[in-house]
N, C-alpha and C. Protein backbone atom coordinates (compact mmCIF):
# COMPACT_ATOMS: atom_id res chain seq x y z
N UNK A 1 -20.50 53.03 -3.48
CA UNK A 1 -21.39 51.97 -3.05
C UNK A 1 -20.76 50.60 -3.35
N UNK A 2 -20.17 50.46 -4.52
CA UNK A 2 -19.54 49.20 -4.90
C UNK A 2 -18.38 48.87 -3.96
N UNK A 3 -17.60 49.87 -3.58
CA UNK A 3 -16.49 49.66 -2.67
C UNK A 3 -16.99 49.21 -1.30
N UNK A 4 -18.09 49.79 -0.83
CA UNK A 4 -18.68 49.41 0.44
C UNK A 4 -19.13 47.94 0.39
N UNK A 5 -19.76 47.53 -0.70
CA UNK A 5 -20.19 46.15 -0.87
C UNK A 5 -18.99 45.21 -0.88
N UNK A 6 -17.93 45.59 -1.60
CA UNK A 6 -16.72 44.77 -1.68
C UNK A 6 -16.12 44.58 -0.29
N UNK A 7 -16.02 45.66 0.49
CA UNK A 7 -15.45 45.57 1.84
C UNK A 7 -16.30 44.69 2.73
N UNK A 8 -17.62 44.79 2.63
CA UNK A 8 -18.52 43.96 3.42
C UNK A 8 -18.32 42.49 3.06
N UNK A 9 -18.27 42.20 1.78
CA UNK A 9 -18.09 40.84 1.29
C UNK A 9 -16.73 40.29 1.75
N UNK A 10 -15.70 41.11 1.65
CA UNK A 10 -14.35 40.70 2.06
C UNK A 10 -14.32 40.40 3.56
N UNK A 11 -14.95 41.25 4.38
CA UNK A 11 -14.98 41.03 5.83
C UNK A 11 -15.76 39.77 6.17
N UNK A 12 -16.84 39.52 5.47
CA UNK A 12 -17.65 38.32 5.70
C UNK A 12 -16.85 37.06 5.36
N UNK A 13 -16.14 37.09 4.26
CA UNK A 13 -15.31 35.95 3.86
C UNK A 13 -14.19 35.74 4.87
N UNK A 14 -13.57 36.81 5.32
CA UNK A 14 -12.49 36.69 6.30
C UNK A 14 -13.01 36.14 7.63
N UNK A 15 -14.22 36.53 8.03
CA UNK A 15 -14.81 36.01 9.27
C UNK A 15 -15.06 34.52 9.15
N UNK A 16 -15.60 34.09 8.01
CA UNK A 16 -15.83 32.66 7.79
C UNK A 16 -14.50 31.90 7.74
N UNK A 17 -13.51 32.50 7.15
CA UNK A 17 -12.19 31.88 7.07
C UNK A 17 -11.60 31.70 8.47
N UNK A 18 -11.73 32.70 9.31
CA UNK A 18 -11.21 32.62 10.68
C UNK A 18 -11.96 31.54 11.46
N UNK A 19 -13.27 31.47 11.28
CA UNK A 19 -14.07 30.45 11.96
C UNK A 19 -13.66 29.06 11.51
N UNK A 20 -13.46 28.88 10.22
CA UNK A 20 -13.03 27.60 9.68
C UNK A 20 -11.65 27.22 10.21
N UNK A 21 -10.76 28.18 10.27
CA UNK A 21 -9.41 27.93 10.78
C UNK A 21 -9.46 27.47 12.23
N UNK A 22 -10.26 28.14 13.07
CA UNK A 22 -10.39 27.74 14.47
C UNK A 22 -10.96 26.33 14.59
N UNK A 23 -11.95 26.03 13.78
CA UNK A 23 -12.58 24.71 13.81
C UNK A 23 -11.59 23.62 13.41
N UNK A 24 -10.84 23.85 12.34
CA UNK A 24 -9.83 22.88 11.89
C UNK A 24 -8.74 22.69 12.95
N UNK A 25 -8.30 23.78 13.55
CA UNK A 25 -7.27 23.71 14.57
C UNK A 25 -7.75 22.88 15.76
N UNK A 26 -8.98 23.10 16.20
CA UNK A 26 -9.54 22.35 17.32
C UNK A 26 -9.63 20.87 16.99
N UNK A 27 -10.09 20.54 15.78
CA UNK A 27 -10.20 19.14 15.37
C UNK A 27 -8.84 18.47 15.28
N UNK A 28 -7.87 19.16 14.72
CA UNK A 28 -6.53 18.59 14.59
C UNK A 28 -5.86 18.41 15.95
N UNK A 29 -6.11 19.32 16.88
CA UNK A 29 -5.53 19.20 18.21
C UNK A 29 -6.09 18.00 18.97
N UNK A 30 -7.34 17.63 18.69
CA UNK A 30 -7.95 16.50 19.39
C UNK A 30 -7.64 15.16 18.71
N UNK A 31 -7.04 15.20 17.55
CA UNK A 31 -6.70 13.99 16.79
C UNK A 31 -5.40 13.42 17.36
N UNK A 32 -5.42 12.21 17.86
CA UNK A 32 -4.25 11.57 18.49
C UNK A 32 -3.38 10.93 17.41
N UNK A 33 -2.57 11.75 16.78
CA UNK A 33 -1.73 11.31 15.68
C UNK A 33 -0.69 10.29 16.14
N UNK A 34 -0.13 10.50 17.32
CA UNK A 34 0.92 9.61 17.82
C UNK A 34 0.41 8.18 17.96
N UNK A 35 -0.75 8.00 18.56
CA UNK A 35 -1.33 6.66 18.70
C UNK A 35 -1.68 6.06 17.34
N UNK A 36 -2.20 6.90 16.46
CA UNK A 36 -2.56 6.41 15.13
C UNK A 36 -1.33 5.93 14.38
N UNK A 37 -0.22 6.66 14.50
CA UNK A 37 1.02 6.26 13.83
C UNK A 37 1.55 4.95 14.41
N UNK A 38 1.52 4.83 15.73
CA UNK A 38 2.00 3.60 16.37
C UNK A 38 1.18 2.38 15.95
N UNK A 39 -0.12 2.57 15.72
CA UNK A 39 -1.00 1.46 15.35
C UNK A 39 -1.05 1.21 13.85
N UNK A 40 -0.42 2.08 13.07
CA UNK A 40 -0.45 1.95 11.61
C UNK A 40 0.70 1.07 11.15
N UNK A 41 0.50 -0.23 11.24
CA UNK A 41 1.58 -1.16 10.89
C UNK A 41 1.48 -1.70 9.47
N UNK A 42 0.44 -1.34 8.75
CA UNK A 42 0.32 -1.74 7.35
C UNK A 42 -0.53 -0.70 6.61
N UNK A 43 -0.70 -0.92 5.31
CA UNK A 43 -1.41 0.06 4.48
C UNK A 43 -2.85 0.25 4.92
N UNK A 44 -3.54 -0.83 5.23
CA UNK A 44 -4.95 -0.73 5.60
C UNK A 44 -5.12 0.06 6.90
N UNK A 45 -4.34 -0.27 7.91
CA UNK A 45 -4.43 0.46 9.18
C UNK A 45 -4.04 1.93 9.03
N UNK A 46 -3.07 2.20 8.20
CA UNK A 46 -2.67 3.59 7.95
C UNK A 46 -3.83 4.36 7.34
N UNK A 47 -4.48 3.76 6.36
CA UNK A 47 -5.63 4.40 5.71
C UNK A 47 -6.76 4.63 6.71
N UNK A 48 -7.08 3.61 7.50
CA UNK A 48 -8.19 3.69 8.44
C UNK A 48 -7.91 4.65 9.60
N UNK A 49 -6.69 4.60 10.14
CA UNK A 49 -6.38 5.36 11.35
C UNK A 49 -5.83 6.76 11.10
N UNK A 50 -5.21 6.99 9.95
CA UNK A 50 -4.60 8.30 9.68
C UNK A 50 -5.27 9.06 8.54
N UNK A 51 -5.37 8.42 7.40
CA UNK A 51 -5.84 9.13 6.21
C UNK A 51 -7.32 9.46 6.28
N UNK A 52 -8.17 8.47 6.57
CA UNK A 52 -9.61 8.72 6.64
C UNK A 52 -9.98 9.77 7.69
N UNK A 53 -9.47 9.66 8.92
CA UNK A 53 -9.82 10.70 9.89
C UNK A 53 -9.39 12.10 9.47
N UNK A 54 -8.21 12.20 8.85
CA UNK A 54 -7.74 13.50 8.40
C UNK A 54 -8.65 14.07 7.31
N UNK A 55 -9.04 13.23 6.35
CA UNK A 55 -9.94 13.70 5.30
C UNK A 55 -11.30 14.08 5.86
N UNK A 56 -11.78 13.36 6.88
CA UNK A 56 -13.05 13.70 7.51
C UNK A 56 -12.95 15.03 8.25
N UNK A 57 -11.82 15.32 8.87
CA UNK A 57 -11.61 16.62 9.52
C UNK A 57 -11.72 17.74 8.48
N UNK A 58 -11.23 17.46 7.28
CA UNK A 58 -11.29 18.45 6.19
C UNK A 58 -12.68 18.56 5.57
N UNK A 59 -13.61 17.70 6.00
CA UNK A 59 -14.98 17.81 5.54
C UNK A 59 -15.42 16.79 4.51
N UNK A 60 -14.54 15.88 4.15
CA UNK A 60 -14.92 14.84 3.21
C UNK A 60 -15.74 13.77 3.92
N UNK A 61 -16.73 13.23 3.23
CA UNK A 61 -17.57 12.16 3.77
C UNK A 61 -17.13 10.84 3.16
N UNK A 62 -16.91 9.86 4.02
CA UNK A 62 -16.38 8.58 3.56
C UNK A 62 -17.30 7.91 2.53
N UNK A 63 -18.58 7.92 2.76
CA UNK A 63 -19.51 7.24 1.85
C UNK A 63 -19.60 7.97 0.51
N UNK A 64 -19.51 9.29 0.53
CA UNK A 64 -19.70 10.09 -0.68
C UNK A 64 -18.41 10.32 -1.45
N UNK A 65 -17.33 10.64 -0.74
CA UNK A 65 -16.12 11.14 -1.39
C UNK A 65 -14.98 10.13 -1.53
N UNK A 66 -15.01 9.03 -0.80
CA UNK A 66 -13.90 8.08 -0.83
C UNK A 66 -14.17 6.99 -1.85
N UNK A 67 -13.13 6.55 -2.54
CA UNK A 67 -13.23 5.42 -3.45
C UNK A 67 -12.24 4.36 -2.99
N UNK A 68 -12.75 3.17 -2.71
CA UNK A 68 -11.89 2.09 -2.23
C UNK A 68 -11.59 1.08 -3.33
N UNK A 69 -12.30 1.19 -4.42
CA UNK A 69 -12.08 0.30 -5.55
C UNK A 69 -12.02 1.14 -6.81
N UNK A 70 -11.26 0.69 -7.75
CA UNK A 70 -11.22 1.37 -9.03
C UNK A 70 -10.90 0.35 -10.11
N UNK A 71 -11.29 0.66 -11.33
CA UNK A 71 -11.01 -0.22 -12.45
C UNK A 71 -9.87 0.40 -13.25
N UNK A 72 -8.86 -0.40 -13.48
CA UNK A 72 -7.72 0.06 -14.26
C UNK A 72 -7.69 -0.70 -15.58
N UNK A 73 -7.50 0.01 -16.66
CA UNK A 73 -7.40 -0.61 -17.97
C UNK A 73 -5.93 -0.53 -18.40
N UNK A 74 -5.24 -1.66 -18.27
CA UNK A 74 -3.82 -1.71 -18.60
C UNK A 74 -3.64 -2.61 -19.81
N UNK A 75 -3.15 -2.01 -20.89
CA UNK A 75 -2.91 -2.72 -22.15
C UNK A 75 -4.14 -3.49 -22.60
N UNK A 76 -5.30 -2.83 -22.53
CA UNK A 76 -6.54 -3.41 -23.04
C UNK A 76 -7.22 -4.41 -22.12
N UNK A 77 -6.67 -4.65 -20.96
CA UNK A 77 -7.29 -5.59 -20.01
C UNK A 77 -7.80 -4.79 -18.82
N UNK A 78 -9.09 -4.90 -18.54
CA UNK A 78 -9.66 -4.22 -17.37
C UNK A 78 -9.54 -5.14 -16.17
N UNK A 79 -9.23 -4.56 -15.04
CA UNK A 79 -9.12 -5.33 -13.82
C UNK A 79 -9.62 -4.48 -12.66
N UNK A 80 -10.38 -5.08 -11.76
CA UNK A 80 -10.89 -4.40 -10.59
C UNK A 80 -9.86 -4.48 -9.48
N UNK A 81 -9.46 -3.32 -8.98
CA UNK A 81 -8.50 -3.26 -7.87
C UNK A 81 -9.22 -2.81 -6.63
N UNK A 82 -8.90 -3.40 -5.51
CA UNK A 82 -9.49 -3.00 -4.23
C UNK A 82 -8.37 -2.50 -3.32
N UNK A 83 -8.65 -1.40 -2.66
CA UNK A 83 -7.68 -0.86 -1.70
C UNK A 83 -7.85 -1.53 -0.36
């Protein structure tokens, strides 16, 4: 019985994995990387046109998962850095 449950669970995970792979492939194929690279002439444009869209394809949400500012404490001095 345990072996039957394990096989069912394994098949279910593999089916979800295949579905996820197809979805990622479709999203990546529709992403116009060539145009994004041509328009990425500085750090900000590279982040906006290449990095953010790629992370969103992977399922990250810009408002929830991205950090554009961080505080660095270097030799006892805190400073706010903005990307």
